[in-house]
Amino acid sequence: MSQPQWKEARRFEDIHVGVVILTGQGNDAFCSGGDQRIRGDQGYVGKDGVPRLNVLDLQKQIRSLPKPVVAMVAGYAIGGGHVLHVVCDLTIAADNARFGQTGPKVGSFDGGFGSSTLASIVGLKKAKEIWFLCRQYDAQQALQMGLVNTVVPLAELETETLKWCEDMLRLSPMALRLLKSSFNATLDGQAGIQELAGNATLLFYMTDEAKEGRDAFKEKRKPDFKKFPRRP
Protein backbone atom coordinates (compact mmCIF):
# COMPACT_ATOMS: atom_id res chain seq x y z
CA MET A 1 0.00 0.00 0.00
CA SER A 2 1.39 3.37 -1.03
CA GLN A 3 1.39 6.49 1.14
CA PRO A 4 -1.49 8.08 -0.87
CA GLN A 5 -3.51 4.87 -0.48
CA TRP A 6 -2.78 4.86 3.25
CA LYS A 7 -4.03 8.45 3.54
CA GLU A 8 -7.16 7.45 1.64
CA ALA A 9 -7.72 4.64 4.13
CA ARG A 10 -7.87 7.24 6.92
CA ARG A 11 -11.34 8.06 5.63
CA PHE A 12 -12.39 4.96 7.56
CA GLU A 13 -12.62 7.31 10.55
CA ASP A 14 -15.34 9.52 9.02
CA ILE A 15 -18.08 9.79 11.67
CA HIS A 16 -20.72 9.71 8.93
CA VAL A 17 -19.59 6.23 7.86
CA GLY A 18 -21.23 3.33 9.70
CA VAL A 19 -19.81 0.35 7.81
CA VAL A 20 -16.71 0.08 5.63
CA ILE A 21 -16.40 -2.14 2.55
CA LEU A 22 -12.89 -3.22 1.56
CA THR A 23 -12.60 -4.57 -1.99
CA GLY A 24 -10.25 -4.83 -4.93
CA GLN A 25 -10.28 -3.19 -8.35
CA GLY A 26 -12.08 -5.37 -10.87
CA ASN A 27 -13.23 -8.97 -10.64
CA ASP A 28 -9.91 -10.79 -10.99
CA ALA A 29 -8.41 -10.08 -7.58
CA PHE A 30 -9.32 -8.72 -4.17
CA CYS A 31 -5.61 -8.44 -3.35
CA SER A 32 -2.71 -10.71 -4.29
CA GLY A 33 -0.38 -9.52 -1.54
CA GLY A 34 2.93 -7.73 -1.62
CA ASP A 35 4.61 -7.08 -4.97
CA GLN A 36 7.85 -9.05 -4.77
CA ARG A 37 9.34 -6.87 -7.53
CA ILE A 38 9.55 -3.90 -5.14
CA ARG A 39 10.34 -5.89 -2.01
CA GLY A 40 13.66 -4.78 -0.61
CA ASP A 41 15.72 -6.19 2.26
CA GLN A 42 13.72 -4.16 4.80
CA GLY A 43 10.25 -3.99 3.29
CA TYR A 44 8.47 -2.76 0.19
CA VAL A 45 10.20 0.22 -1.38
CA GLY A 46 8.00 3.18 -2.32
CA LYS A 47 8.65 5.93 -4.85
CA ASP A 48 10.60 7.80 -2.17
CA GLY A 49 13.02 4.89 -1.89
CA VAL A 50 12.05 4.15 1.72
CA PRO A 51 11.15 0.52 2.58
CA ARG A 52 7.93 0.14 4.57
CA LEU A 53 5.38 -2.42 5.73
CA ASN A 54 2.33 -0.15 5.50
CA VAL A 55 -0.02 -3.13 5.34
CA LEU A 56 0.66 -3.80 9.02
CA ASP A 57 -0.76 -0.37 9.88
CA LEU A 58 -3.82 -1.10 7.75
CA GLN A 59 -4.37 -4.43 9.52
CA LYS A 60 -4.27 -2.72 12.92
CA GLN A 61 -6.58 0.04 11.74
CA ILE A 62 -9.14 -2.50 10.49
CA ARG A 63 -9.03 -4.25 13.87
CA SER A 64 -9.31 -1.09 15.97
CA LEU A 65 -11.82 0.76 13.80
CA PRO A 66 -15.01 1.00 15.93
CA LYS A 67 -17.31 -0.04 13.09
CA PRO A 68 -17.69 -3.19 10.99
CA VAL A 69 -15.33 -3.71 8.06
CA VAL A 70 -16.62 -6.03 5.33
CA ALA A 71 -14.31 -7.67 2.79
CA MET A 72 -16.03 -7.94 -0.60
CA VAL A 73 -13.93 -10.56 -2.37
CA ALA A 74 -13.91 -11.32 -6.08
CA GLY A 75 -11.04 -13.30 -7.56
CA TYR A 76 -7.79 -13.89 -5.72
CA ALA A 77 -7.33 -13.13 -2.02
CA ILE A 78 -3.81 -14.50 -1.75
CA GLY A 79 -0.81 -13.90 0.50
CA GLY A 80 -1.03 -10.52 2.20
CA GLY A 81 -4.38 -10.05 0.49
CA HIS A 82 -5.63 -13.15 2.24
CA VAL A 83 -4.57 -11.71 5.59
CA LEU A 84 -6.46 -8.49 4.82
CA HIS A 85 -9.74 -10.35 4.36
CA VAL A 86 -9.03 -12.43 7.49
CA VAL A 87 -8.71 -9.32 9.68
CA CYS A 88 -11.96 -7.88 8.31
CA ASP A 89 -15.04 -8.52 10.42
CA LEU A 90 -17.05 -10.21 7.67
CA THR A 91 -16.24 -11.60 4.23
CA ILE A 92 -18.70 -11.79 1.34
CA ALA A 93 -17.19 -13.86 -1.46
CA ALA A 94 -18.04 -14.21 -5.13
CA ASP A 95 -18.12 -17.70 -6.57
CA ASN A 96 -14.88 -16.98 -8.46
CA ALA A 97 -12.95 -16.14 -5.28
CA ARG A 98 -9.81 -18.07 -4.35
CA PHE A 99 -8.03 -17.98 -1.02
CA GLY A 100 -4.63 -18.99 0.30
CA GLN A 101 -1.26 -18.03 1.73
CA THR A 102 1.97 -17.84 -0.26
CA GLY A 103 4.47 -16.47 2.27
CA PRO A 104 6.69 -19.54 2.73
CA LYS A 105 6.97 -19.83 -1.07
CA VAL A 106 8.60 -16.41 -1.32
CA GLY A 107 10.47 -16.25 1.97
CA SER A 108 7.81 -14.45 3.96
CA PHE A 109 5.17 -15.07 6.63
CA ASP A 110 2.71 -13.27 8.91
CA GLY A 111 3.19 -14.27 12.52
CA GLY A 112 0.63 -11.75 13.75
CA PHE A 113 -3.00 -11.46 12.72
CA GLY A 114 -2.35 -13.61 9.65
CA SER A 115 -1.73 -16.65 11.83
CA SER A 116 -3.45 -16.03 15.18
CA THR A 117 -6.68 -14.59 13.78
CA LEU A 118 -6.78 -17.22 11.04
CA ALA A 119 -6.45 -19.98 13.65
CA SER A 120 -9.30 -18.49 15.68
CA ILE A 121 -11.51 -18.61 12.57
CA VAL A 122 -10.74 -21.99 11.01
CA GLY A 123 -9.02 -23.81 13.88
CA LEU A 124 -5.33 -24.38 14.59
CA LYS A 125 -4.84 -27.48 12.44
CA LYS A 126 -6.51 -25.94 9.39
CA ALA A 127 -4.60 -22.68 9.82
CA LYS A 128 -1.33 -24.62 9.89
CA GLU A 129 -2.38 -26.45 6.73
CA ILE A 130 -3.09 -23.15 4.99
CA TRP A 131 0.31 -21.76 5.94
CA PHE A 132 2.48 -24.89 5.80
CA LEU A 133 1.22 -26.15 2.42
CA CYS A 134 0.40 -22.86 0.62
CA ARG A 135 -2.54 -24.41 -1.20
CA GLN A 136 -5.38 -22.45 -2.75
CA TYR A 137 -9.04 -22.93 -1.82
CA ASP A 138 -12.11 -22.05 -3.83
CA ALA A 139 -15.06 -20.10 -2.46
CA GLN A 140 -17.09 -23.15 -1.44
CA GLN A 141 -14.13 -24.68 0.42
CA ALA A 142 -13.62 -21.36 2.19
CA LEU A 143 -17.28 -21.31 3.18
CA GLN A 144 -17.12 -24.85 4.55
CA MET A 145 -14.18 -24.00 6.81
CA GLY A 146 -15.83 -20.79 8.06
CA LEU A 147 -13.31 -18.56 6.33
CA VAL A 148 -16.07 -16.54 4.62
CA ASN A 149 -19.63 -15.72 5.65
CA THR A 150 -21.41 -16.38 2.38
CA VAL A 151 -20.78 -17.08 -1.30
CA VAL A 152 -22.83 -15.52 -4.10
CA PRO A 153 -22.61 -15.39 -7.90
CA LEU A 154 -20.13 -12.75 -9.06
CA ALA A 155 -22.91 -10.68 -10.64
CA GLU A 156 -24.66 -10.44 -7.26
CA LEU A 157 -21.60 -9.71 -5.11
CA GLU A 158 -22.02 -5.95 -4.73
CA THR A 159 -25.79 -6.16 -4.21
CA GLU A 160 -25.44 -8.81 -1.52
CA THR A 161 -22.63 -6.96 0.24
CA LEU A 162 -24.65 -3.75 0.33
CA LYS A 163 -27.60 -5.69 1.74
CA TRP A 164 -25.49 -6.97 4.62
CA CYS A 165 -24.20 -3.45 5.26
CA GLU A 166 -27.71 -1.98 5.20
CA ASP A 167 -28.80 -4.58 7.76
CA MET A 168 -25.96 -3.53 10.08
CA LEU A 169 -26.70 0.16 9.60
CA ARG A 170 -30.15 -0.44 11.08
CA LEU A 171 -28.59 -1.66 14.33
CA SER A 172 -27.19 0.20 17.34
CA PRO A 173 -23.77 1.67 16.41
CA MET A 174 -22.62 1.63 20.04
CA ALA A 175 -23.61 -2.02 20.43
CA LEU A 176 -21.69 -2.93 17.27
CA ARG A 177 -18.70 -0.92 18.48
CA LEU A 178 -18.60 -2.72 21.83
CA LEU A 179 -19.19 -6.11 20.23
CA LYS A 180 -16.28 -5.65 17.85
CA SER A 181 -13.87 -4.65 20.60
CA SER A 182 -15.13 -7.55 22.74
CA PHE A 183 -14.51 -10.06 19.95
CA ASN A 184 -11.00 -8.68 19.43
CA ALA A 185 -10.01 -8.31 23.09
CA THR A 186 -8.78 -11.88 23.62
CA LEU A 187 -6.54 -12.06 20.56
CA ASP A 188 -5.27 -8.50 20.79
CA GLY A 189 -3.95 -8.87 24.34
CA GLN A 190 -3.48 -5.74 26.43
CA ALA A 191 -4.10 -3.53 23.39
CA GLY A 192 -7.42 -5.29 22.85
CA ILE A 193 -8.39 -4.86 26.48
CA GLN A 194 -7.48 -1.17 26.24
CA GLU A 195 -9.69 -0.81 23.15
CA LEU A 196 -12.61 -2.45 24.96
CA ALA A 197 -12.01 -0.40 28.10
CA GLY A 198 -11.83 2.79 26.06
CA ASN A 199 -15.18 2.04 24.47
CA ALA A 200 -16.67 1.30 27.89
CA THR A 201 -15.32 4.65 29.12
CA LEU A 202 -16.91 6.42 26.16
CA LEU A 203 -20.23 4.79 27.00
CA PHE A 204 -19.88 5.80 30.66
CA TYR A 205 -19.13 9.40 29.71
CA MET A 206 -22.63 9.57 28.24
CA THR A 207 -24.31 8.75 31.57
CA ASP A 208 -25.72 11.24 34.08
CA GLU A 209 -23.40 9.78 36.71
CA ALA A 210 -20.29 10.70 34.74
CA LYS A 211 -21.71 14.11 33.90
CA GLU A 212 -22.30 14.77 37.62
CA GLY A 213 -18.61 14.20 38.36
CA ARG A 214 -17.52 16.45 35.51
CA ASP A 215 -20.00 19.23 36.29
CA ALA A 216 -19.17 19.20 40.01
CA PHE A 217 -15.50 19.74 39.19
CA LYS A 218 -16.29 22.60 36.83
CA GLU A 219 -18.70 24.18 39.34
CA LYS A 220 -16.23 23.76 42.25
CA ARG A 221 -18.62 21.71 44.40
CA LYS A 222 -18.72 18.21 45.83
CA PRO A 223 -20.33 15.68 43.49
CA ASP A 224 -23.59 14.09 44.62
CA PHE A 225 -23.27 10.43 43.63
CA LYS A 226 -25.82 9.24 46.22
CA LYS A 227 -28.66 9.74 43.76
CA PHE A 228 -27.29 7.06 41.45
CA PRO A 229 -28.19 3.40 42.05
CA ARG A 230 -25.58 0.87 43.15
CA ARG A 231 -26.66 -1.99 40.95
CA PRO A 232 -25.92 -5.62 41.84
C-alpha atoms as a PDB file:
ATOM      1  CA  MET A   1       0.000   0.000   0.000  1.00  0.00           C
ATOM      2  CA  SER A   2       1.388   3.372  -1.034  1.00  0.00           C
ATOM      3  CA  GLN A   3       1.391   6.492   1.137  1.00  0.00           C
ATOM      4  CA  PRO A   4      -1.493   8.084  -0.869  1.00  0.00           C
ATOM      5  CA  GLN A   5      -3.506   4.869  -0.480  1.00  0.00           C
ATOM      6  CA  TRP A   6      -2.781   4.857   3.248  1.00  0.00           C
ATOM      7  CA  LYS A   7      -4.026   8.452   3.543  1.00  0.00           C
ATOM      8  CA  GLU A   8      -7.159   7.455   1.638  1.00  0.00           C
ATOM      9  CA  ALA A   9      -7.721   4.638   4.130  1.00  0.00           C
ATOM     10  CA  ARG A  10      -7.871   7.236   6.923  1.00  0.00           C
ATOM     11  CA  ARG A  11     -11.345   8.058   5.626  1.00  0.00           C
ATOM     12  CA  PHE A  12     -12.394   4.963   7.558  1.00  0.00           C
ATOM     13  CA  GLU A  13     -12.615   7.313  10.549  1.00  0.00           C
ATOM     14  CA  ASP A  14     -15.339   9.520   9.018  1.00  0.00           C
ATOM     15  CA  ILE A  15     -18.081   9.790  11.668  1.00  0.00           C
ATOM     16  CA  HIS A  16     -20.719   9.711   8.933  1.00  0.00           C
ATOM     17  CA  VAL A  17     -19.594   6.227   7.856  1.00  0.00           C
ATOM     18  CA  GLY A  18     -21.234   3.334   9.704  1.00  0.00           C
ATOM     19  CA  VAL A  19     -19.811   0.349   7.814  1.00  0.00           C
ATOM     20  CA  VAL A  20     -16.707   0.076   5.632  1.00  0.00           C
ATOM     21  CA  ILE A  21     -16.397  -2.144   2.549  1.00  0.00           C
ATOM     22  CA  LEU A  22     -12.890  -3.219   1.559  1.00  0.00           C
ATOM     23  CA  THR A  23     -12.596  -4.567  -1.988  1.00  0.00           C
ATOM     24  CA  GLY A  24     -10.252  -4.829  -4.934  1.00  0.00           C
ATOM     25  CA  GLN A  25     -10.281  -3.193  -8.348  1.00  0.00           C
ATOM     26  CA  GLY A  26     -12.075  -5.367 -10.868  1.00  0.00           C
ATOM     27  CA  ASN A  27     -13.228  -8.967 -10.637  1.00  0.00           C
ATOM     28  CA  ASP A  28      -9.912 -10.794 -10.988  1.00  0.00           C
ATOM     29  CA  ALA A  29      -8.406 -10.081  -7.581  1.00  0.00           C
ATOM     30  CA  PHE A  30      -9.315  -8.720  -4.168  1.00  0.00           C
ATOM     31  CA  CYS A  31      -5.607  -8.442  -3.352  1.00  0.00           C
ATOM     32  CA  SER A  32      -2.714 -10.709  -4.295  1.00  0.00           C
ATOM     33  CA  GLY A  33      -0.378  -9.525  -1.543  1.00  0.00           C
ATOM     34  CA  GLY A  34       2.935  -7.726  -1.623  1.00  0.00           C
ATOM     35  CA  ASP A  35       4.607  -7.077  -4.967  1.00  0.00           C
ATOM     36  CA  GLN A  36       7.851  -9.054  -4.771  1.00  0.00           C
ATOM     37  CA  ARG A  37       9.337  -6.870  -7.525  1.00  0.00           C
ATOM     38  CA  ILE A  38       9.553  -3.904  -5.141  1.00  0.00           C
ATOM     39  CA  ARG A  39      10.336  -5.893  -2.013  1.00  0.00           C
ATOM     40  CA  GLY A  40      13.662  -4.783  -0.605  1.00  0.00           C
ATOM     41  CA  ASP A  41      15.718  -6.186   2.255  1.00  0.00           C
ATOM     42  CA  GLN A  42      13.718  -4.155   4.801  1.00  0.00           C
ATOM     43  CA  GLY A  43      10.249  -3.985   3.294  1.00  0.00           C
ATOM     44  CA  TYR A  44       8.473  -2.759   0.194  1.00  0.00           C
ATOM     45  CA  VAL A  45      10.198   0.223  -1.382  1.00  0.00           C
ATOM     46  CA  GLY A  46       8.003   3.177  -2.320  1.00  0.00           C
ATOM     47  CA  LYS A  47       8.651   5.931  -4.845  1.00  0.00           C
ATOM     48  CA  ASP A  48      10.600   7.804  -2.172  1.00  0.00           C
ATOM     49  CA  GLY A  49      13.020   4.891  -1.888  1.00  0.00           C
ATOM     50  CA  VAL A  50      12.051   4.149   1.721  1.00  0.00           C
ATOM     51  CA  PRO A  51      11.151   0.521   2.580  1.00  0.00           C
ATOM     52  CA  ARG A  52       7.926   0.142   4.569  1.00  0.00           C
ATOM     53  CA  LEU A  53       5.381  -2.422   5.734  1.00  0.00           C
ATOM     54  CA  ASN A  54       2.328  -0.155   5.503  1.00  0.00           C
ATOM     55  CA  VAL A  55      -0.024  -3.128   5.335  1.00  0.00           C
ATOM     56  CA  LEU A  56       0.656  -3.797   9.023  1.00  0.00           C
ATOM     57  CA  ASP A  57      -0.757  -0.373   9.877  1.00  0.00           C
ATOM     58  CA  LEU A  58      -3.821  -1.099   7.749  1.00  0.00           C
ATOM     59  CA  GLN A  59      -4.365  -4.428   9.524  1.00  0.00           C
ATOM     60  CA  LYS A  60      -4.265  -2.718  12.916  1.00  0.00           C
ATOM     61  CA  GLN A  61      -6.581   0.035  11.736  1.00  0.00           C
ATOM     62  CA  ILE A  62      -9.139  -2.499  10.492  1.00  0.00           C
ATOM     63  CA  ARG A  63      -9.029  -4.250  13.874  1.00  0.00           C
ATOM     64  CA  SER A  64      -9.309  -1.086  15.967  1.00  0.00           C
ATOM     65  CA  LEU A  65     -11.822   0.765  13.797  1.00  0.00           C
ATOM     66  CA  PRO A  66     -15.005   0.995  15.930  1.00  0.00           C
ATOM     67  CA  LYS A  67     -17.312  -0.038  13.095  1.00  0.00           C
ATOM     68  CA  PRO A  68     -17.686  -3.194  10.993  1.00  0.00           C
ATOM     69  CA  VAL A  69     -15.328  -3.710   8.056  1.00  0.00           C
ATOM     70  CA  VAL A  70     -16.619  -6.033   5.330  1.00  0.00           C
ATOM     71  CA  ALA A  71     -14.314  -7.672   2.789  1.00  0.00           C
ATOM     72  CA  MET A  72     -16.032  -7.942  -0.602  1.00  0.00           C
ATOM     73  CA  VAL A  73     -13.934 -10.558  -2.367  1.00  0.00           C
ATOM     74  CA  ALA A  74     -13.907 -11.320  -6.076  1.00  0.00           C
ATOM     75  CA  GLY A  75     -11.039 -13.304  -7.565  1.00  0.00           C
ATOM     76  CA  TYR A  76      -7.795 -13.893  -5.716  1.00  0.00           C
ATOM     77  CA  ALA A  77      -7.326 -13.131  -2.015  1.00  0.00           C
ATOM     78  CA  ILE A  78      -3.814 -14.497  -1.751  1.00  0.00           C
ATOM     79  CA  GLY A  79      -0.807 -13.900   0.500  1.00  0.00           C
ATOM     80  CA  GLY A  80      -1.026 -10.517   2.196  1.00  0.00           C
ATOM     81  CA  GLY A  81      -4.381 -10.053   0.490  1.00  0.00           C
ATOM     82  CA  HIS A  82      -5.634 -13.149   2.240  1.00  0.00           C
ATOM     83  CA  VAL A  83      -4.568 -11.706   5.592  1.00  0.00           C
ATOM     84  CA  LEU A  84      -6.463  -8.493   4.818  1.00  0.00           C
ATOM     85  CA  HIS A  85      -9.742 -10.347   4.362  1.00  0.00           C
ATOM     86  CA  VAL A  86      -9.026 -12.428   7.489  1.00  0.00           C
ATOM     87  CA  VAL A  87      -8.714  -9.324   9.684  1.00  0.00           C
ATOM     88  CA  CYS A  88     -11.956  -7.876   8.312  1.00  0.00           C
ATOM     89  CA  ASP A  89     -15.036  -8.519  10.421  1.00  0.00           C
ATOM     90  CA  LEU A  90     -17.054 -10.208   7.674  1.00  0.00           C
ATOM     91  CA  THR A  91     -16.240 -11.602   4.232  1.00  0.00           C
ATOM     92  CA  ILE A  92     -18.696 -11.788   1.340  1.00  0.00           C
ATOM     93  CA  ALA A  93     -17.192 -13.861  -1.463  1.00  0.00           C
ATOM     94  CA  ALA A  94     -18.038 -14.209  -5.131  1.00  0.00           C
ATOM     95  CA  ASP A  95     -18.122 -17.700  -6.574  1.00  0.00           C
ATOM     96  CA  ASN A  96     -14.879 -16.977  -8.459  1.00  0.00           C
ATOM     97  CA  ALA A  97     -12.946 -16.144  -5.278  1.00  0.00           C
ATOM     98  CA  ARG A  98      -9.807 -18.068  -4.352  1.00  0.00           C
ATOM     99  CA  PHE A  99      -8.032 -17.975  -1.023  1.00  0.00           C
ATOM    100  CA  GLY A 100      -4.634 -18.985   0.300  1.00  0.00           C
ATOM    101  CA  GLN A 101      -1.264 -18.033   1.727  1.00  0.00           C
ATOM    102  CA  THR A 102       1.967 -17.836  -0.259  1.00  0.00           C
ATOM    103  CA  GLY A 103       4.469 -16.472   2.271  1.00  0.00           C
ATOM    104  CA  PRO A 104       6.690 -19.545   2.734  1.00  0.00           C
ATOM    105  CA  LYS A 105       6.969 -19.831  -1.066  1.00  0.00           C
ATOM    106  CA  VAL A 106       8.597 -16.409  -1.320  1.00  0.00           C
ATOM    107  CA  GLY A 107      10.475 -16.246   1.972  1.00  0.00           C
ATOM    108  CA  SER A 108       7.805 -14.449   3.961  1.00  0.00           C
ATOM    109  CA  PHE A 109       5.172 -15.066   6.634  1.00  0.00           C
ATOM    110  CA  ASP A 110       2.705 -13.270   8.906  1.00  0.00           C
ATOM    111  CA  GLY A 111       3.191 -14.269  12.524  1.00  0.00           C
ATOM    112  CA  GLY A 112       0.634 -11.748  13.755  1.00  0.00           C
ATOM    113  CA  PHE A 113      -3.004 -11.461  12.716  1.00  0.00           C
ATOM    114  CA  GLY A 114      -2.348 -13.605   9.654  1.00  0.00           C
ATOM    115  CA  SER A 115      -1.726 -16.648  11.830  1.00  0.00           C
ATOM    116  CA  SER A 116      -3.454 -16.034  15.177  1.00  0.00           C
ATOM    117  CA  THR A 117      -6.681 -14.593  13.778  1.00  0.00           C
ATOM    118  CA  LEU A 118      -6.781 -17.220  11.038  1.00  0.00           C
ATOM    119  CA  ALA A 119      -6.450 -19.979  13.654  1.00  0.00           C
ATOM    120  CA  SER A 120      -9.301 -18.488  15.678  1.00  0.00           C
ATOM    121  CA  ILE A 121     -11.511 -18.607  12.570  1.00  0.00           C
ATOM    122  CA  VAL A 122     -10.742 -21.993  11.010  1.00  0.00           C
ATOM    123  CA  GLY A 123      -9.020 -23.815  13.879  1.00  0.00           C
ATOM    124  CA  LEU A 124      -5.329 -24.378  14.590  1.00  0.00           C
ATOM    125  CA  LYS A 125      -4.839 -27.482  12.437  1.00  0.00           C
ATOM    126  CA  LYS A 126      -6.505 -25.939   9.386  1.00  0.00           C
ATOM    127  CA  ALA A 127      -4.599 -22.678   9.817  1.00  0.00           C
ATOM    128  CA  LYS A 128      -1.334 -24.616   9.891  1.00  0.00           C
ATOM    129  CA  GLU A 129      -2.380 -26.453   6.726  1.00  0.00           C
ATOM    130  CA  ILE A 130      -3.092 -23.154   4.987  1.00  0.00           C
ATOM    131  CA  TRP A 131       0.312 -21.761   5.939  1.00  0.00           C
ATOM    132  CA  PHE A 132       2.478 -24.888   5.800  1.00  0.00           C
ATOM    133  CA  LEU A 133       1.218 -26.146   2.418  1.00  0.00           C
ATOM    134  CA  CYS A 134       0.398 -22.863   0.625  1.00  0.00           C
ATOM    135  CA  ARG A 135      -2.544 -24.409  -1.197  1.00  0.00           C
ATOM    136  CA  GLN A 136      -5.384 -22.450  -2.745  1.00  0.00           C
ATOM    137  CA  TYR A 137      -9.039 -22.926  -1.823  1.00  0.00           C
ATOM    138  CA  ASP A 138     -12.114 -22.049  -3.834  1.00  0.00           C
ATOM    139  CA  ALA A 139     -15.063 -20.098  -2.455  1.00  0.00           C
ATOM    140  CA  GLN A 140     -17.089 -23.153  -1.435  1.00  0.00           C
ATOM    141  CA  GLN A 141     -14.131 -24.678   0.415  1.00  0.00           C
ATOM    142  CA  ALA A 142     -13.618 -21.357   2.189  1.00  0.00           C
ATOM    143  CA  LEU A 143     -17.283 -21.310   3.178  1.00  0.00           C
ATOM    144  CA  GLN A 144     -17.123 -24.851   4.546  1.00  0.00           C
ATOM    145  CA  MET A 145     -14.180 -23.999   6.807  1.00  0.00           C
ATOM    146  CA  GLY A 146     -15.829 -20.785   8.058  1.00  0.00           C
ATOM    147  CA  LEU A 147     -13.305 -18.555   6.329  1.00  0.00           C
ATOM    148  CA  VAL A 148     -16.067 -16.536   4.619  1.00  0.00           C
ATOM    149  CA  ASN A 149     -19.630 -15.719   5.649  1.00  0.00           C
ATOM    150  CA  THR A 150     -21.413 -16.385   2.383  1.00  0.00           C
ATOM    151  CA  VAL A 151     -20.777 -17.080  -1.304  1.00  0.00           C
ATOM    152  CA  VAL A 152     -22.834 -15.518  -4.097  1.00  0.00           C
ATOM    153  CA  PRO A 153     -22.613 -15.386  -7.897  1.00  0.00           C
ATOM    154  CA  LEU A 154     -20.133 -12.753  -9.064  1.00  0.00           C
ATOM    155  CA  ALA A 155     -22.913 -10.683 -10.641  1.00  0.00           C
ATOM    156  CA  GLU A 156     -24.664 -10.444  -7.260  1.00  0.00           C
ATOM    157  CA  LEU A 157     -21.600  -9.706  -5.112  1.00  0.00           C
ATOM    158  CA  GLU A 158     -22.021  -5.950  -4.728  1.00  0.00           C
ATOM    159  CA  THR A 159     -25.789  -6.159  -4.211  1.00  0.00           C
ATOM    160  CA  GLU A 160     -25.442  -8.813  -1.517  1.00  0.00           C
ATOM    161  CA  THR A 161     -22.626  -6.964   0.238  1.00  0.00           C
ATOM    162  CA  LEU A 162     -24.647  -3.753   0.332  1.00  0.00           C
ATOM    163  CA  LYS A 163     -27.602  -5.688   1.738  1.00  0.00           C
ATOM    164  CA  TRP A 164     -25.485  -6.975   4.616  1.00  0.00           C
ATOM    165  CA  CYS A 165     -24.205  -3.452   5.264  1.00  0.00           C
ATOM    166  CA  GLU A 166     -27.710  -1.984   5.202  1.00  0.00           C
ATOM    167  CA  ASP A 167     -28.805  -4.577   7.755  1.00  0.00           C
ATOM    168  CA  MET A 168     -25.964  -3.533  10.081  1.00  0.00           C
ATOM    169  CA  LEU A 169     -26.701   0.162   9.605  1.00  0.00           C
ATOM    170  CA  ARG A 170     -30.153  -0.439  11.080  1.00  0.00           C
ATOM    171  CA  LEU A 171     -28.587  -1.661  14.329  1.00  0.00           C
ATOM    172  CA  SER A 172     -27.193   0.201  17.339  1.00  0.00           C
ATOM    173  CA  PRO A 173     -23.774   1.669  16.410  1.00  0.00           C
ATOM    174  CA  MET A 174     -22.619   1.633  20.040  1.00  0.00           C
ATOM    175  CA  ALA A 175     -23.609  -2.019  20.434  1.00  0.00           C
ATOM    176  CA  LEU A 176     -21.689  -2.931  17.271  1.00  0.00           C
ATOM    177  CA  ARG A 177     -18.703  -0.918  18.479  1.00  0.00           C
ATOM    178  CA  LEU A 178     -18.600  -2.716  21.827  1.00  0.00           C
ATOM    179  CA  LEU A 179     -19.194  -6.109  20.233  1.00  0.00           C
ATOM    180  CA  LYS A 180     -16.280  -5.647  17.852  1.00  0.00           C
ATOM    181  CA  SER A 181     -13.867  -4.648  20.597  1.00  0.00           C
ATOM    182  CA  SER A 182     -15.130  -7.545  22.744  1.00  0.00           C
ATOM    183  CA  PHE A 183     -14.509 -10.057  19.949  1.00  0.00           C
ATOM    184  CA  ASN A 184     -10.999  -8.676  19.432  1.00  0.00           C
ATOM    185  CA  ALA A 185     -10.008  -8.311  23.094  1.00  0.00           C
ATOM    186  CA  THR A 186      -8.779 -11.876  23.621  1.00  0.00           C
ATOM    187  CA  LEU A 187      -6.538 -12.063  20.560  1.00  0.00           C
ATOM    188  CA  ASP A 188      -5.274  -8.497  20.790  1.00  0.00           C
ATOM    189  CA  GLY A 189      -3.946  -8.873  24.340  1.00  0.00           C
ATOM    190  CA  GLN A 190      -3.476  -5.737  26.430  1.00  0.00           C
ATOM    191  CA  ALA A 191      -4.095  -3.535  23.389  1.00  0.00           C
ATOM    192  CA  GLY A 192      -7.421  -5.290  22.851  1.00  0.00           C
ATOM    193  CA  ILE A 193      -8.393  -4.860  26.483  1.00  0.00           C
ATOM    194  CA  GLN A 194      -7.481  -1.171  26.237  1.00  0.00           C
ATOM    195  CA  GLU A 195      -9.693  -0.814  23.153  1.00  0.00           C
ATOM    196  CA  LEU A 196     -12.611  -2.453  24.955  1.00  0.00           C
ATOM    197  CA  ALA A 197     -12.010  -0.396  28.096  1.00  0.00           C
ATOM    198  CA  GLY A 198     -11.835   2.792  26.059  1.00  0.00           C
ATOM    199  CA  ASN A 199     -15.181   2.036  24.467  1.00  0.00           C
ATOM    200  CA  ALA A 200     -16.666   1.304  27.891  1.00  0.00           C
ATOM    201  CA  THR A 201     -15.319   4.646  29.121  1.00  0.00           C
ATOM    202  CA  LEU A 202     -16.909   6.416  26.165  1.00  0.00           C
ATOM    203  CA  LEU A 203     -20.232   4.790  26.996  1.00  0.00           C
ATOM    204  CA  PHE A 204     -19.881   5.796  30.656  1.00  0.00           C
ATOM    205  CA  TYR A 205     -19.128   9.404  29.712  1.00  0.00           C
ATOM    206  CA  MET A 206     -22.627   9.572  28.241  1.00  0.00           C
ATOM    207  CA  THR A 207     -24.306   8.748  31.570  1.00  0.00           C
ATOM    208  CA  ASP A 208     -25.719  11.237  34.084  1.00  0.00           C
ATOM    209  CA  GLU A 209     -23.399   9.783  36.713  1.00  0.00           C
ATOM    210  CA  ALA A 210     -20.289  10.698  34.738  1.00  0.00           C
ATOM    211  CA  LYS A 211     -21.713  14.106  33.896  1.00  0.00           C
ATOM    212  CA  GLU A 212     -22.301  14.767  37.615  1.00  0.00           C
ATOM    213  CA  GLY A 213     -18.611  14.204  38.358  1.00  0.00           C
ATOM    214  CA  ARG A 214     -17.523  16.455  35.514  1.00  0.00           C
ATOM    215  CA  ASP A 215     -19.997  19.227  36.294  1.00  0.00           C
ATOM    216  CA  ALA A 216     -19.168  19.196  40.010  1.00  0.00           C
ATOM    217  CA  PHE A 217     -15.500  19.740  39.195  1.00  0.00           C
ATOM    218  CA  LYS A 218     -16.295  22.597  36.828  1.00  0.00           C
ATOM    219  CA  GLU A 219     -18.699  24.182  39.345  1.00  0.00           C
ATOM    220  CA  LYS A 220     -16.227  23.761  42.248  1.00  0.00           C
ATOM    221  CA  ARG A 221     -18.616  21.707  44.401  1.00  0.00           C
ATOM    222  CA  LYS A 222     -18.722  18.210  45.828  1.00  0.00           C
ATOM    223  CA  PRO A 223     -20.332  15.680  43.487  1.00  0.00           C
ATOM    224  CA  ASP A 224     -23.594  14.086  44.619  1.00  0.00           C
ATOM    225  CA  PHE A 225     -23.271  10.429  43.631  1.00  0.00           C
ATOM    226  CA  LYS A 226     -25.821   9.242  46.224  1.00  0.00           C
ATOM    227  CA  LYS A 227     -28.659   9.742  43.757  1.00  0.00           C
ATOM    228  CA  PHE A 228     -27.288   7.056  41.453  1.00  0.00           C
ATOM    229  CA  PRO A 229     -28.194   3.397  42.050  1.00  0.00           C
ATOM    230  CA  ARG A 230     -25.577   0.868  43.154  1.00  0.00           C
ATOM    231  CA  ARG A 231     -26.656  -1.993  40.948  1.00  0.00           C
ATOM    232  CA  PRO A 232     -25.916  -5.624  41.838  1.00  0.00           C
END
